[in-house]
Amino acid sequence: MKPRDKYLKLVAWSEKDQCYVGSVPGWIGDCCHGDDEADVYRKLCEIIDEWIEIYGKDGRPLSRPTNRSYSGRFVLRASPEMHRALAVRALNEGESLNTFVIKSLKKAVQKGRE
């Protein structure tokens, strides 16, 4: 395993730029781009290796890795009004609050990918 393997690497199509853009969420923003997704990924890996080397030479601590496992559970704080509104919508749909919120989040994520 290489040190860069601990970091989540994203290569996504950018409608605005009309090309693929590479980044490392929480550490390195949009840092490379190109027309070939695999090529952008390779460039991104090279950039991460360079940053790790630079941080090491400077004695700076690396950003916390984001490529980790997730339990599927998180706590969400909402206002009482929002909680009530979501609970009512879930009841109207004949679903539990958890199921309704998961379906709503899935829709939002899918919409964000378009």
Protein backbone atom coordinates (compact mmCIF):
# COMPACT_ATOMS: atom_id res chain seq x y z
CA MET A 1 0.00 0.00 0.00
CA LYS A 2 1.29 3.41 -0.95
CA PRO A 3 0.68 6.43 1.31
CA ARG A 4 -1.59 7.96 -1.36
CA ASP A 5 -3.88 4.93 -1.17
CA LYS A 6 -5.22 6.24 2.14
CA TYR A 7 -6.82 9.23 0.40
CA LEU A 8 -10.10 9.38 -1.47
CA LYS A 9 -9.37 10.41 -5.04
CA LEU A 10 -12.20 11.86 -7.11
CA VAL A 11 -12.21 12.24 -10.86
CA ALA A 12 -15.48 13.66 -12.12
CA TRP A 13 -16.80 15.21 -15.29
CA SER A 14 -17.17 18.99 -15.04
CA GLU A 15 -19.93 20.44 -17.21
CA LYS A 16 -18.53 23.90 -16.57
CA ASP A 17 -15.02 22.99 -17.75
CA GLN A 18 -16.10 20.31 -20.25
CA CYS A 19 -13.43 17.92 -19.03
CA TYR A 20 -12.57 15.54 -16.19
CA VAL A 21 -11.30 17.17 -13.00
CA GLY A 22 -9.34 15.47 -10.20
CA SER A 23 -9.36 16.34 -6.50
CA VAL A 24 -8.86 14.94 -2.99
CA PRO A 25 -11.81 16.02 -0.81
CA GLY A 26 -10.75 17.78 2.35
CA TRP A 27 -7.17 18.26 1.23
CA ILE A 28 -6.46 19.08 -2.41
CA GLY A 29 -9.06 20.92 -4.45
CA ASP A 30 -9.44 20.70 -8.22
CA CYS A 31 -5.83 20.21 -9.25
CA CYS A 32 -5.73 18.50 -12.63
CA HIS A 33 -7.96 18.13 -15.62
CA GLY A 34 -8.14 16.50 -19.03
CA ASP A 35 -10.23 14.70 -21.61
CA ASP A 36 -9.26 11.17 -20.52
CA GLU A 37 -10.59 10.02 -17.12
CA ALA A 38 -7.80 7.47 -16.54
CA ASP A 39 -5.13 10.01 -17.45
CA VAL A 40 -6.56 12.52 -14.99
CA TYR A 41 -6.55 9.83 -12.30
CA ARG A 42 -2.86 9.09 -12.99
CA LYS A 43 -2.05 12.82 -12.82
CA LEU A 44 -3.96 13.09 -9.55
CA CYS A 45 -1.96 10.20 -8.05
CA GLU A 46 1.29 11.92 -9.08
CA ILE A 47 0.15 15.18 -7.48
CA ILE A 48 -0.72 13.40 -4.22
CA ASP A 49 2.70 11.72 -4.18
CA GLU A 50 4.34 15.13 -4.70
CA TRP A 51 2.33 16.72 -1.90
CA ILE A 52 3.18 13.86 0.48
CA GLU A 53 6.87 14.31 -0.36
CA ILE A 54 6.71 18.10 0.13
CA TYR A 55 4.86 17.78 3.44
CA GLY A 56 7.48 15.25 4.60
CA LYS A 57 10.40 17.51 3.65
CA ASP A 58 8.74 20.47 5.40
CA GLY A 59 7.96 18.39 8.49
CA ARG A 60 4.29 19.21 8.16
CA PRO A 61 1.63 16.70 9.20
CA LEU A 62 -0.37 15.22 6.34
CA SER A 63 -4.07 15.80 5.97
CA ARG A 64 -6.17 13.15 7.67
CA PRO A 65 -6.97 10.33 5.21
CA THR A 66 -10.53 10.27 3.89
CA ASN A 67 -10.49 6.84 2.28
CA ARG A 68 -11.96 4.89 5.18
CA SER A 69 -14.89 2.62 5.86
CA TYR A 70 -18.24 3.99 6.97
CA SER A 71 -20.76 2.39 9.30
CA GLY A 72 -23.79 3.73 7.45
CA ARG A 73 -24.92 5.56 10.56
CA PHE A 74 -24.63 9.24 11.42
CA VAL A 75 -26.41 11.68 13.71
CA LEU A 76 -28.21 14.58 12.11
CA ARG A 77 -29.31 17.60 14.09
CA ALA A 78 -32.34 19.46 12.79
CA SER A 79 -34.65 22.07 14.20
CA PRO A 80 -37.81 20.73 15.87
CA GLU A 81 -39.82 22.27 13.01
CA MET A 82 -37.76 20.43 10.37
CA HIS A 83 -37.98 17.18 12.34
CA ARG A 84 -41.77 17.51 12.54
CA ALA A 85 -42.12 18.41 8.85
CA LEU A 86 -40.03 15.40 7.79
CA ALA A 87 -41.93 13.08 10.13
CA VAL A 88 -45.27 14.29 8.72
CA ARG A 89 -44.05 13.85 5.11
CA ALA A 90 -42.85 10.34 5.97
CA LEU A 91 -46.23 9.47 7.48
CA ASN A 92 -47.98 10.80 4.38
CA GLU A 93 -45.77 8.53 2.26
CA GLY A 94 -46.47 5.56 4.57
CA GLU A 95 -42.78 5.26 5.42
CA SER A 96 -40.61 5.46 8.49
CA LEU A 97 -38.75 8.71 8.99
CA ASN A 98 -35.45 6.91 8.33
CA THR A 99 -36.65 5.41 5.03
CA PHE A 100 -38.12 8.73 3.88
CA VAL A 101 -34.92 10.66 4.68
CA ILE A 102 -32.68 8.03 3.01
CA LYS A 103 -34.82 8.13 -0.16
CA SER A 104 -34.70 11.94 -0.14
CA LEU A 105 -30.92 11.96 0.29
CA LYS A 106 -30.49 9.43 -2.53
CA LYS A 107 -32.54 11.67 -4.84
CA ALA A 108 -30.44 14.70 -3.89
CA VAL A 109 -27.18 12.82 -4.50
CA GLN A 110 -28.38 11.53 -7.87
CA LYS A 111 -29.47 15.03 -8.86
CA GLY A 112 -26.03 16.34 -7.88
CA ARG A 113 -24.38 13.84 -10.24
CA GLU A 114 -26.37 15.05 -13.26
